[in-house]
Amino acid sequence: MQISIRLHSVLREKLPPDTKGRTTLTLPDGATVYDLLTHFNLQNNVVGISVNDEIEIEASHPLRDGDHVEFFRVVGGG
């Protein structure tokens, strides 16, 4: 299945500069967000995840062909 990926801010460093943080990956059926986290060497507790514009996605969320996944840095403060 084909998954569209976008990495925001400093996470863009995980991809070549000319991609501007965007790529498409082919994953096997049954793949989850966790598989993408592993692929990009990201930790679930330091990134936010959006699948098809839905935020607060769990790593166990199953992916489907054509999904659009975005990873972004979580900012905290007080």
N, C-alpha and C. Protein backbone atom coordinates (compact mmCIF):
# COMPACT_ATOMS: atom_id res chain seq x y z
N MET A 1 0.84 -1.18 0.00
CA MET A 1 0.00 0.00 0.00
C MET A 1 0.88 1.24 0.00
N GLN A 2 0.37 2.32 -0.58
CA GLN A 2 1.09 3.58 -0.68
C GLN A 2 0.62 4.53 0.43
N ILE A 3 1.58 5.08 1.18
CA ILE A 3 1.28 6.01 2.26
C ILE A 3 2.04 7.31 1.99
N SER A 4 1.34 8.42 2.06
CA SER A 4 1.94 9.74 1.89
C SER A 4 2.40 10.25 3.26
N ILE A 5 3.65 10.69 3.33
CA ILE A 5 4.24 11.10 4.61
C ILE A 5 4.68 12.55 4.53
N ARG A 6 4.45 13.28 5.62
CA ARG A 6 4.99 14.64 5.74
C ARG A 6 5.60 14.80 7.13
N LEU A 7 6.85 15.24 7.15
CA LEU A 7 7.56 15.51 8.40
C LEU A 7 7.70 17.02 8.54
N HIS A 8 7.31 17.54 9.70
CA HIS A 8 7.34 18.98 9.94
C HIS A 8 8.56 19.41 10.74
N SER A 9 8.93 20.66 10.63
CA SER A 9 10.00 21.35 11.35
C SER A 9 11.29 20.54 11.35
N VAL A 10 11.90 20.34 12.51
CA VAL A 10 13.20 19.67 12.57
C VAL A 10 13.14 18.21 12.15
N LEU A 11 11.96 17.63 12.12
CA LEU A 11 11.83 16.24 11.70
C LEU A 11 12.15 16.07 10.21
N ARG A 12 12.09 17.17 9.47
CA ARG A 12 12.43 17.12 8.04
C ARG A 12 13.84 16.60 7.80
N GLU A 13 14.69 16.72 8.80
CA GLU A 13 16.08 16.25 8.67
C GLU A 13 16.16 14.75 8.42
N LYS A 14 15.07 14.04 8.65
CA LYS A 14 15.04 12.60 8.42
C LYS A 14 14.96 12.27 6.93
N LEU A 15 14.70 13.29 6.09
CA LEU A 15 14.57 13.09 4.64
C LEU A 15 15.57 14.00 3.92
N PRO A 16 15.90 13.68 2.67
CA PRO A 16 16.78 14.57 1.90
C PRO A 16 16.17 15.97 1.76
N PRO A 17 17.00 17.02 1.76
CA PRO A 17 16.51 18.40 1.72
C PRO A 17 15.57 18.70 0.55
N ASP A 18 15.82 18.11 -0.60
CA ASP A 18 15.01 18.43 -1.77
C ASP A 18 13.58 17.90 -1.69
N THR A 19 13.28 17.06 -0.70
CA THR A 19 11.92 16.52 -0.55
C THR A 19 11.00 17.47 0.20
N LYS A 20 11.59 18.47 0.87
CA LYS A 20 10.82 19.42 1.68
C LYS A 20 9.94 18.72 2.71
N GLY A 21 10.45 17.61 3.25
CA GLY A 21 9.74 16.90 4.31
C GLY A 21 8.61 16.01 3.84
N ARG A 22 8.54 15.74 2.55
CA ARG A 22 7.45 14.91 2.01
C ARG A 22 8.01 13.71 1.26
N THR A 23 7.32 12.58 1.41
CA THR A 23 7.70 11.38 0.68
C THR A 23 6.50 10.44 0.62
N THR A 24 6.62 9.42 -0.19
CA THR A 24 5.63 8.36 -0.26
C THR A 24 6.35 7.04 -0.02
N LEU A 25 5.77 6.20 0.82
CA LEU A 25 6.36 4.90 1.11
C LEU A 25 5.39 3.80 0.71
N THR A 26 5.95 2.68 0.31
CA THR A 26 5.17 1.48 0.07
C THR A 26 5.34 0.58 1.29
N LEU A 27 4.24 0.26 1.92
CA LEU A 27 4.26 -0.58 3.13
C LEU A 27 3.41 -1.82 2.90
N PRO A 28 3.71 -2.90 3.62
CA PRO A 28 2.90 -4.10 3.49
C PRO A 28 1.52 -3.92 4.13
N ASP A 29 0.56 -4.66 3.66
CA ASP A 29 -0.76 -4.65 4.30
C ASP A 29 -0.60 -5.00 5.77
N GLY A 30 -1.39 -4.36 6.61
CA GLY A 30 -1.31 -4.60 8.05
C GLY A 30 -0.34 -3.68 8.77
N ALA A 31 0.34 -2.80 8.04
CA ALA A 31 1.29 -1.88 8.67
C ALA A 31 0.54 -0.89 9.56
N THR A 32 1.24 -0.40 10.57
CA THR A 32 0.66 0.55 11.52
C THR A 32 1.53 1.81 11.59
N VAL A 33 1.04 2.80 12.32
CA VAL A 33 1.82 4.01 12.55
C VAL A 33 3.15 3.66 13.23
N TYR A 34 3.14 2.66 14.09
CA TYR A 34 4.37 2.23 14.76
C TYR A 34 5.44 1.86 13.74
N ASP A 35 5.05 1.21 12.65
CA ASP A 35 6.01 0.84 11.61
C ASP A 35 6.67 2.08 11.01
N LEU A 36 5.91 3.15 10.85
CA LEU A 36 6.48 4.41 10.34
C LEU A 36 7.40 5.05 11.37
N LEU A 37 7.00 5.02 12.63
CA LEU A 37 7.86 5.56 13.69
C LEU A 37 9.21 4.85 13.67
N THR A 38 9.18 3.55 13.53
CA THR A 38 10.40 2.75 13.48
C THR A 38 11.21 3.09 12.23
N HIS A 39 10.55 3.20 11.10
CA HIS A 39 11.23 3.51 9.84
C HIS A 39 12.01 4.82 9.93
N PHE A 40 11.41 5.83 10.54
CA PHE A 40 12.05 7.15 10.64
C PHE A 40 12.82 7.33 11.94
N ASN A 41 12.90 6.28 12.76
CA ASN A 41 13.60 6.33 14.04
C ASN A 41 13.07 7.46 14.92
N LEU A 42 11.75 7.51 15.05
CA LEU A 42 11.08 8.52 15.87
C LEU A 42 10.51 7.86 17.12
N GLN A 43 10.45 8.60 18.20
CA GLN A 43 9.86 8.10 19.44
C GLN A 43 8.46 8.65 19.59
N ASN A 44 7.53 7.77 19.88
CA ASN A 44 6.12 8.14 19.98
C ASN A 44 5.86 9.23 21.01
N ASN A 45 6.68 9.28 22.08
CA ASN A 45 6.42 10.25 23.15
C ASN A 45 6.96 11.65 22.85
N VAL A 46 7.64 11.85 21.73
CA VAL A 46 8.17 13.17 21.40
C VAL A 46 7.63 13.73 20.09
N VAL A 47 6.76 13.00 19.42
CA VAL A 47 6.17 13.51 18.18
C VAL A 47 4.65 13.42 18.25
N GLY A 48 4.02 14.36 17.58
CA GLY A 48 2.58 14.28 17.38
C GLY A 48 2.33 13.57 16.06
N ILE A 49 1.19 12.92 15.96
CA ILE A 49 0.87 12.14 14.78
C ILE A 49 -0.51 12.53 14.28
N SER A 50 -0.60 12.71 12.99
CA SER A 50 -1.88 12.98 12.35
C SER A 50 -2.04 12.01 11.18
N VAL A 51 -3.19 11.36 11.10
CA VAL A 51 -3.51 10.50 9.96
C VAL A 51 -4.79 11.03 9.34
N ASN A 52 -4.69 11.43 8.07
CA ASN A 52 -5.84 11.99 7.35
C ASN A 52 -6.49 13.13 8.14
N ASP A 53 -5.66 14.01 8.67
CA ASP A 53 -6.08 15.20 9.44
C ASP A 53 -6.71 14.88 10.79
N GLU A 54 -6.59 13.65 11.26
CA GLU A 54 -7.06 13.28 12.59
C GLU A 54 -5.85 13.27 13.52
N ILE A 55 -5.91 14.05 14.59
CA ILE A 55 -4.78 14.17 15.51
C ILE A 55 -5.00 13.25 16.71
N GLU A 56 -3.93 13.01 17.45
CA GLU A 56 -3.92 12.15 18.63
C GLU A 56 -4.12 10.69 18.24
N ILE A 57 -3.38 10.28 17.25
CA ILE A 57 -3.42 8.91 16.75
C ILE A 57 -2.46 8.05 17.58
N GLU A 58 -2.87 6.85 17.90
CA GLU A 58 -2.02 5.91 18.62
C GLU A 58 -1.06 5.21 17.66
N ALA A 59 0.07 4.76 18.17
CA ALA A 59 1.05 4.06 17.34
C ALA A 59 0.49 2.77 16.76
N SER A 60 -0.49 2.19 17.43
CA SER A 60 -1.08 0.93 16.96
C SER A 60 -2.12 1.14 15.85
N HIS A 61 -2.36 2.40 15.48
CA HIS A 61 -3.36 2.72 14.47
C HIS A 61 -3.01 2.04 13.14
N PRO A 62 -3.93 1.23 12.59
CA PRO A 62 -3.65 0.57 11.31
C PRO A 62 -3.71 1.57 10.15
N LEU A 63 -2.83 1.38 9.20
CA LEU A 63 -2.79 2.25 8.02
C LEU A 63 -3.50 1.58 6.85
N ARG A 64 -4.04 2.43 5.97
CA ARG A 64 -4.71 1.94 4.76
C ARG A 64 -4.11 2.62 3.54
N ASP A 65 -4.23 1.96 2.42
CA ASP A 65 -3.72 2.51 1.18
C ASP A 65 -4.26 3.92 0.95
N GLY A 66 -3.36 4.84 0.63
CA GLY A 66 -3.77 6.22 0.37
C GLY A 66 -3.78 7.13 1.58
N ASP A 67 -3.50 6.60 2.77
CA ASP A 67 -3.48 7.44 3.97
C ASP A 67 -2.41 8.52 3.85
N HIS A 68 -2.68 9.65 4.50
CA HIS A 68 -1.74 10.76 4.59
C HIS A 68 -1.35 10.90 6.06
N VAL A 69 -0.07 10.67 6.37
CA VAL A 69 0.42 10.70 7.74
C VAL A 69 1.38 11.87 7.91
N GLU A 70 1.20 12.62 9.00
CA GLU A 70 2.09 13.73 9.31
C GLU A 70 2.66 13.54 10.71
N PHE A 71 3.96 13.84 10.84
CA PHE A 71 4.63 13.81 12.13
C PHE A 71 5.11 15.22 12.44
N PHE A 72 4.92 15.65 13.68
CA PHE A 72 5.34 16.99 14.08
C PHE A 72 5.85 16.95 15.51
N ARG A 73 6.72 17.91 15.84
CA ARG A 73 7.25 18.00 17.20
C ARG A 73 6.17 18.47 18.15
N VAL A 74 6.11 17.85 19.30
CA VAL A 74 5.18 18.27 20.34
C VAL A 74 5.88 19.34 21.17
N VAL A 75 5.21 20.46 21.36
CA VAL A 75 5.78 21.57 22.11
C VAL A 75 5.03 21.68 23.43
N GLY A 76 5.78 21.73 24.51
CA GLY A 76 5.17 21.88 25.82
C GLY A 76 5.65 23.17 26.46
N GLY A 77 4.95 23.57 27.43
CA GLY A 77 5.35 24.80 28.11
C GLY A 77 4.47 25.03 29.32
N GLY A 78 4.70 26.11 29.94
CA GLY A 78 3.89 26.38 31.11
C GLY A 78 3.95 27.81 31.53
